[in-house]
Amino acid sequence: MDKRITELTELSTTPDTTNIIAIVDDVAGTPTTKKITIAKLLGTEVDNETPSGTIDGTNKTFTLANTPSPATSLKLFLNGMFMTPAGEDYTLTGNSIVFINAPTSGSVMRAFYKY
């Protein structure tokens, strides 16, 4: 039975990440109703990940467990300092971080991002 959205029962709890939402894609062209999960809509967040790679003062390349999406969601910290992307402190290609200058031995690196 079709109902107006305002007539539907409101969810009274926090939605589970597997819950599905209906969306209309390509509204201006050929509208198609599709589904998306809460997890896909919001993205999965990674907090306080230590990228893999040796911090030895010479290695510049480190790898994240996942590819940040969008890429701009990556917040990278080295010894508590925010690192600036786009070639200032590092570049990101997929899940690969390449620093302009190799982090010094003993440094602590942490990444926060969505994927």
C-alpha atoms as a PDB file:
ATOM      1  CA  MET A   1       0.000   0.000   0.000  1.00  0.00           C
ATOM      2  CA  ASP A   2       1.405   3.391  -0.966  1.00  0.00           C
ATOM      3  CA  LYS A   3       1.681   6.037   1.741  1.00  0.00           C
ATOM      4  CA  ARG A   4       2.955   9.565   1.848  1.00  0.00           C
ATOM      5  CA  ILE A   5       6.298   9.870   3.580  1.00  0.00           C
ATOM      6  CA  THR A   6       4.668  11.931   6.317  1.00  0.00           C
ATOM      7  CA  GLU A   7       2.287   9.013   7.004  1.00  0.00           C
ATOM      8  CA  LEU A   8       5.051   6.475   7.628  1.00  0.00           C
ATOM      9  CA  THR A   9       5.941   5.327  11.135  1.00  0.00           C
ATOM     10  CA  GLU A  10       8.990   7.162  12.448  1.00  0.00           C
ATOM     11  CA  LEU A  11      11.965   5.060  13.478  1.00  0.00           C
ATOM     12  CA  SER A  12      12.315   5.521  17.233  1.00  0.00           C
ATOM     13  CA  THR A  13      15.825   4.096  17.620  1.00  0.00           C
ATOM     14  CA  THR A  14      19.196   4.790  16.038  1.00  0.00           C
ATOM     15  CA  PRO A  15      19.236   3.095  12.632  1.00  0.00           C
ATOM     16  CA  ASP A  16      21.435   0.051  12.204  1.00  0.00           C
ATOM     17  CA  THR A  17      24.161   0.401   9.560  1.00  0.00           C
ATOM     18  CA  THR A  18      22.474  -2.357   7.541  1.00  0.00           C
ATOM     19  CA  ASN A  19      19.161  -0.450   7.343  1.00  0.00           C
ATOM     20  CA  ILE A  20      18.187   0.570   3.819  1.00  0.00           C
ATOM     21  CA  ILE A  21      17.010   3.971   2.585  1.00  0.00           C
ATOM     22  CA  ALA A  22      15.239   4.503  -0.741  1.00  0.00           C
ATOM     23  CA  ILE A  23      16.688   7.242  -2.939  1.00  0.00           C
ATOM     24  CA  VAL A  24      15.801   8.648  -6.345  1.00  0.00           C
ATOM     25  CA  ASP A  25      18.821   8.748  -8.670  1.00  0.00           C
ATOM     26  CA  ASP A  26      19.100  11.015 -11.745  1.00  0.00           C
ATOM     27  CA  VAL A  27      16.125  13.203 -10.858  1.00  0.00           C
ATOM     28  CA  ALA A  28      16.780  15.595 -13.769  1.00  0.00           C
ATOM     29  CA  GLY A  29      17.162  12.809 -16.345  1.00  0.00           C
ATOM     30  CA  THR A  30      15.574   9.396 -16.019  1.00  0.00           C
ATOM     31  CA  PRO A  31      14.586   9.047 -12.350  1.00  0.00           C
ATOM     32  CA  THR A  32      15.244   5.600 -10.910  1.00  0.00           C
ATOM     33  CA  THR A  33      14.476   4.516  -7.361  1.00  0.00           C
ATOM     34  CA  LYS A  34      17.460   2.755  -5.780  1.00  0.00           C
ATOM     35  CA  LYS A  35      18.469   1.602  -2.314  1.00  0.00           C
ATOM     36  CA  ILE A  36      21.445   2.512  -0.138  1.00  0.00           C
ATOM     37  CA  THR A  37      22.490   1.260   3.297  1.00  0.00           C
ATOM     38  CA  ILE A  38      23.109   3.636   6.173  1.00  0.00           C
ATOM     39  CA  ALA A  39      26.751   2.472   6.193  1.00  0.00           C
ATOM     40  CA  LYS A  40      27.225   3.308   2.520  1.00  0.00           C
ATOM     41  CA  LEU A  41      25.471   6.662   2.903  1.00  0.00           C
ATOM     42  CA  LEU A  42      27.512   7.779   5.900  1.00  0.00           C
ATOM     43  CA  GLY A  43      30.707   5.913   5.116  1.00  0.00           C
ATOM     44  CA  THR A  44      32.643   3.841   7.588  1.00  0.00           C
ATOM     45  CA  GLU A  45      34.888   5.846   9.855  1.00  0.00           C
ATOM     46  CA  VAL A  46      38.402   4.833  10.826  1.00  0.00           C
ATOM     47  CA  ASP A  47      39.811   6.471  13.933  1.00  0.00           C
ATOM     48  CA  ASN A  48      43.400   6.418  15.142  1.00  0.00           C
ATOM     49  CA  GLU A  49      44.816   4.002  12.537  1.00  0.00           C
ATOM     50  CA  THR A  50      48.582   3.620  12.384  1.00  0.00           C
ATOM     51  CA  PRO A  51      49.448   3.387   8.665  1.00  0.00           C
ATOM     52  CA  SER A  52      51.777   0.512   7.828  1.00  0.00           C
ATOM     53  CA  GLY A  53      55.353   1.275   6.856  1.00  0.00           C
ATOM     54  CA  THR A  54      58.679   1.668   8.595  1.00  0.00           C
ATOM     55  CA  ILE A  55      59.298   4.982  10.316  1.00  0.00           C
ATOM     56  CA  ASP A  56      63.081   5.110  10.077  1.00  0.00           C
ATOM     57  CA  GLY A  57      63.953   8.560   8.773  1.00  0.00           C
ATOM     58  CA  THR A  58      64.349   7.382   5.159  1.00  0.00           C
ATOM     59  CA  ASN A  59      61.044   5.687   4.247  1.00  0.00           C
ATOM     60  CA  LYS A  60      58.480   8.093   2.779  1.00  0.00           C
ATOM     61  CA  THR A  61      55.731   5.616   1.762  1.00  0.00           C
ATOM     62  CA  PHE A  62      53.009   4.352   4.086  1.00  0.00           C
ATOM     63  CA  THR A  63      49.820   2.393   3.485  1.00  0.00           C
ATOM     64  CA  LEU A  64      46.336   2.744   4.950  1.00  0.00           C
ATOM     65  CA  ALA A  65      44.135  -0.317   5.481  1.00  0.00           C
ATOM     66  CA  ASN A  66      41.439   1.248   3.228  1.00  0.00           C
ATOM     67  CA  THR A  67      41.175   3.907   0.541  1.00  0.00           C
ATOM     68  CA  PRO A  68      39.731   7.132   2.004  1.00  0.00           C
ATOM     69  CA  SER A  69      36.492   8.178   0.332  1.00  0.00           C
ATOM     70  CA  PRO A  70      36.361  10.988  -0.298  1.00  0.00           C
ATOM     71  CA  ALA A  71      40.121  11.447  -0.295  1.00  0.00           C
ATOM     72  CA  THR A  72      39.637  14.744   1.534  1.00  0.00           C
ATOM     73  CA  SER A  73      38.269  12.841   4.541  1.00  0.00           C
ATOM     74  CA  LEU A  74      41.821  11.802   5.496  1.00  0.00           C
ATOM     75  CA  LYS A  75      43.139  13.661   8.528  1.00  0.00           C
ATOM     76  CA  LEU A  76      46.753  12.638   9.042  1.00  0.00           C
ATOM     77  CA  PHE A  77      48.797  13.498  12.133  1.00  0.00           C
ATOM     78  CA  LEU A  78      52.522  13.089  12.714  1.00  0.00           C
ATOM     79  CA  ASN A  79      53.663  13.482  16.321  1.00  0.00           C
ATOM     80  CA  GLY A  80      50.349  15.196  17.058  1.00  0.00           C
ATOM     81  CA  MET A  81      50.746  17.746  14.263  1.00  0.00           C
ATOM     82  CA  PHE A  82      48.170  17.892  11.450  1.00  0.00           C
ATOM     83  CA  MET A  83      49.785  17.102   8.101  1.00  0.00           C
ATOM     84  CA  THR A  84      48.677  19.125   5.067  1.00  0.00           C
ATOM     85  CA  PRO A  85      47.818  17.099   1.930  1.00  0.00           C
ATOM     86  CA  ALA A  86      48.172  17.826  -1.794  1.00  0.00           C
ATOM     87  CA  GLY A  87      51.949  17.854  -1.849  1.00  0.00           C
ATOM     88  CA  GLU A  88      52.609  20.220   1.023  1.00  0.00           C
ATOM     89  CA  ASP A  89      53.417  17.510   3.610  1.00  0.00           C
ATOM     90  CA  TYR A  90      52.309  14.396   1.692  1.00  0.00           C
ATOM     91  CA  THR A  91      50.363  13.087  -1.290  1.00  0.00           C
ATOM     92  CA  LEU A  92      47.639  10.458  -1.238  1.00  0.00           C
ATOM     93  CA  THR A  93      47.052   8.027  -4.095  1.00  0.00           C
ATOM     94  CA  GLY A  94      44.443   5.391  -3.327  1.00  0.00           C
ATOM     95  CA  ASN A  95      45.476   4.109   0.090  1.00  0.00           C
ATOM     96  CA  SER A  96      49.150   5.051  -0.329  1.00  0.00           C
ATOM     97  CA  ILE A  97      50.619   8.032   1.547  1.00  0.00           C
ATOM     98  CA  VAL A  98      53.902   9.465   0.278  1.00  0.00           C
ATOM     99  CA  PHE A  99      55.543  12.099   2.465  1.00  0.00           C
ATOM    100  CA  ILE A 100      57.570  14.932   0.952  1.00  0.00           C
ATOM    101  CA  ASN A 101      60.110  14.473   3.778  1.00  0.00           C
ATOM    102  CA  ALA A 102      60.526  11.102   5.498  1.00  0.00           C
ATOM    103  CA  PRO A 103      59.232  11.053   9.078  1.00  0.00           C
ATOM    104  CA  THR A 104      62.060  10.807  11.600  1.00  0.00           C
ATOM    105  CA  SER A 105      62.699   7.577  13.457  1.00  0.00           C
ATOM    106  CA  GLY A 106      60.483   7.246  16.517  1.00  0.00           C
ATOM    107  CA  SER A 107      57.713   9.432  15.092  1.00  0.00           C
ATOM    108  CA  VAL A 108      54.079   8.540  15.760  1.00  0.00           C
ATOM    109  CA  MET A 109      51.631   8.624  12.832  1.00  0.00           C
ATOM    110  CA  ARG A 110      47.834   8.451  13.145  1.00  0.00           C
ATOM    111  CA  ALA A 111      45.132   8.550  10.458  1.00  0.00           C
ATOM    112  CA  PHE A 112      41.421   9.334  10.658  1.00  0.00           C
ATOM    113  CA  TYR A 113      39.205   8.927   7.575  1.00  0.00           C
ATOM    114  CA  LYS A 114      36.042   7.583   5.969  1.00  0.00           C
ATOM    115  CA  TYR A 115      35.905   4.892   3.325  1.00  0.00           C
END
